[in-house]
N, C-alpha and C. Protein backbone atom coordinates (compact mmCIF):
# COMPACT_ATOMS: atom_id res chain seq x y z
N MET A 1 101.64 96.26 109.28
CA MET A 1 101.03 96.63 108.02
C MET A 1 99.83 97.52 108.34
N ASN A 2 99.80 98.70 107.76
CA ASN A 2 98.68 99.58 108.05
C ASN A 2 97.46 99.22 107.20
N ALA A 3 96.36 99.89 107.46
CA ALA A 3 95.09 99.54 106.83
C ALA A 3 95.11 99.76 105.31
N PHE A 4 95.87 100.75 104.86
CA PHE A 4 95.93 101.01 103.42
C PHE A 4 96.52 99.83 102.66
N TYR A 5 97.65 99.32 103.15
CA TYR A 5 98.29 98.20 102.47
C TYR A 5 97.52 96.90 102.65
N ALA A 6 96.78 96.80 103.74
CA ALA A 6 95.96 95.61 103.96
C ALA A 6 94.82 95.54 102.94
N MET A 7 94.35 96.66 102.46
CA MET A 7 93.31 96.68 101.42
C MET A 7 93.91 96.69 100.01
N LEU A 8 95.09 97.27 99.88
CA LEU A 8 95.72 97.34 98.57
C LEU A 8 96.19 95.97 98.08
N LEU A 9 96.67 95.15 98.98
CA LEU A 9 97.20 93.84 98.60
C LEU A 9 96.14 92.93 97.97
N PRO A 10 94.96 92.72 98.59
CA PRO A 10 93.98 91.84 97.93
C PRO A 10 93.43 92.41 96.63
N ILE A 11 93.31 93.73 96.55
CA ILE A 11 92.81 94.31 95.30
C ILE A 11 93.85 94.16 94.19
N THR A 12 95.12 94.31 94.52
CA THR A 12 96.18 94.13 93.52
C THR A 12 96.24 92.68 93.05
N ILE A 13 96.13 91.75 93.98
CA ILE A 13 96.12 90.33 93.61
C ILE A 13 94.90 90.01 92.75
N GLY A 14 93.76 90.58 93.10
CA GLY A 14 92.55 90.38 92.30
C GLY A 14 92.70 90.92 90.89
N MET A 15 93.32 92.08 90.75
CA MET A 15 93.53 92.64 89.41
C MET A 15 94.50 91.79 88.59
N LEU A 16 95.53 91.27 89.24
CA LEU A 16 96.46 90.38 88.53
C LEU A 16 95.76 89.10 88.08
N LEU A 17 94.89 88.55 88.95
CA LEU A 17 94.14 87.36 88.55
C LEU A 17 93.22 87.66 87.38
N LEU A 18 92.61 88.83 87.36
CA LEU A 18 91.76 89.21 86.24
C LEU A 18 92.56 89.31 84.94
N CYS A 19 93.72 89.93 85.01
CA CYS A 19 94.55 90.09 83.80
C CYS A 19 95.03 88.75 83.27
N VAL A 20 95.54 87.90 84.14
CA VAL A 20 96.04 86.60 83.69
C VAL A 20 94.88 85.71 83.24
N GLY A 21 93.77 85.75 83.98
CA GLY A 21 92.61 84.95 83.60
C GLY A 21 92.02 85.37 82.27
N TYR A 22 92.06 86.66 81.97
CA TYR A 22 91.54 87.12 80.69
C TYR A 22 92.42 86.63 79.54
N SER A 23 93.71 86.51 79.80
CA SER A 23 94.62 86.00 78.76
C SER A 23 94.34 84.53 78.44
N TYR A 24 93.89 83.78 79.45
CA TYR A 24 93.60 82.35 79.26
C TYR A 24 92.11 82.07 79.33
N ARG A 25 91.29 82.96 78.80
CA ARG A 25 89.84 82.82 78.94
C ARG A 25 89.25 81.65 78.16
N GLU A 26 90.01 81.07 77.24
CA GLU A 26 89.50 79.90 76.51
C GLU A 26 89.55 78.64 77.36
N ARG A 27 90.39 78.63 78.35
CA ARG A 27 90.56 77.45 79.21
C ARG A 27 89.71 77.59 80.46
N GLY A 28 89.47 76.49 81.09
CA GLY A 28 88.71 76.49 82.33
C GLY A 28 89.44 77.20 83.47
N SER A 29 90.76 77.04 83.49
CA SER A 29 91.54 77.69 84.55
C SER A 29 91.51 79.21 84.42
N GLY A 30 91.45 79.71 83.20
CA GLY A 30 91.37 81.16 82.99
C GLY A 30 90.06 81.73 83.49
N VAL A 31 88.98 81.01 83.22
CA VAL A 31 87.67 81.45 83.70
C VAL A 31 87.63 81.42 85.23
N PHE A 32 88.25 80.40 85.81
CA PHE A 32 88.31 80.32 87.27
C PHE A 32 89.11 81.48 87.85
N MET A 33 90.20 81.87 87.19
CA MET A 33 90.99 83.01 87.67
C MET A 33 90.20 84.31 87.59
N ILE A 34 89.40 84.46 86.53
CA ILE A 34 88.56 85.65 86.41
C ILE A 34 87.54 85.69 87.54
N TRP A 35 86.89 84.57 87.82
CA TRP A 35 85.92 84.50 88.92
C TRP A 35 86.59 84.79 90.25
N LEU A 36 87.75 84.20 90.48
CA LEU A 36 88.45 84.39 91.74
C LEU A 36 88.89 85.85 91.92
N GLY A 37 89.36 86.45 90.85
CA GLY A 37 89.75 87.87 90.92
C GLY A 37 88.58 88.78 91.22
N MET A 38 87.44 88.51 90.58
CA MET A 38 86.25 89.33 90.84
C MET A 38 85.75 89.14 92.26
N LEU A 39 85.75 87.90 92.75
CA LEU A 39 85.31 87.66 94.12
C LEU A 39 86.24 88.32 95.13
N LEU A 40 87.52 88.32 94.85
CA LEU A 40 88.48 88.94 95.76
C LEU A 40 88.27 90.45 95.81
N ILE A 41 88.08 91.07 94.66
CA ILE A 41 87.88 92.52 94.63
C ILE A 41 86.54 92.90 95.25
N LEU A 42 85.47 92.22 94.86
CA LEU A 42 84.15 92.55 95.40
C LEU A 42 84.06 92.21 96.88
N GLY A 43 84.70 91.14 97.30
CA GLY A 43 84.71 90.79 98.72
C GLY A 43 85.43 91.83 99.55
N THR A 44 86.52 92.36 99.04
CA THR A 44 87.25 93.40 99.75
C THR A 44 86.42 94.67 99.87
N ILE A 45 85.77 95.04 98.78
CA ILE A 45 84.92 96.23 98.80
C ILE A 45 83.73 96.02 99.73
N GLY A 46 83.11 94.85 99.66
CA GLY A 46 81.98 94.55 100.54
C GLY A 46 82.38 94.55 102.01
N PHE A 47 83.54 94.01 102.30
CA PHE A 47 84.04 94.02 103.68
C PHE A 47 84.25 95.44 104.18
N LYS A 48 84.80 96.28 103.33
CA LYS A 48 85.06 97.67 103.73
C LYS A 48 83.74 98.41 103.94
N ILE A 49 82.74 98.17 103.11
CA ILE A 49 81.43 98.81 103.29
C ILE A 49 80.78 98.36 104.59
N LEU A 50 80.80 97.04 104.85
CA LEU A 50 80.21 96.53 106.08
C LEU A 50 80.95 97.04 107.32
N GLU A 51 82.26 97.21 107.19
CA GLU A 51 83.04 97.72 108.30
C GLU A 51 82.64 99.17 108.63
N LYS A 52 82.35 99.96 107.60
CA LYS A 52 81.97 101.36 107.82
C LYS A 52 80.55 101.48 108.37
N LEU A 53 79.69 100.50 108.07
CA LEU A 53 78.30 100.56 108.53
C LEU A 53 78.17 100.20 110.01
N THR A 54 79.12 99.48 110.55
CA THR A 54 79.02 99.09 111.97
C THR A 54 79.80 100.00 112.87
């Protein structure tokens, strides 16, 4: 798996979690999915930034 797909996979999963979580935002599990999706996307971006700085 090359580097492009290694970064595309977590961002795609994070976007799917955001979409599904937004649909169930009245429930606790929906809010958890929104948080998990945001952490996955921001963590991937943060990892890529830190990787470029070193």
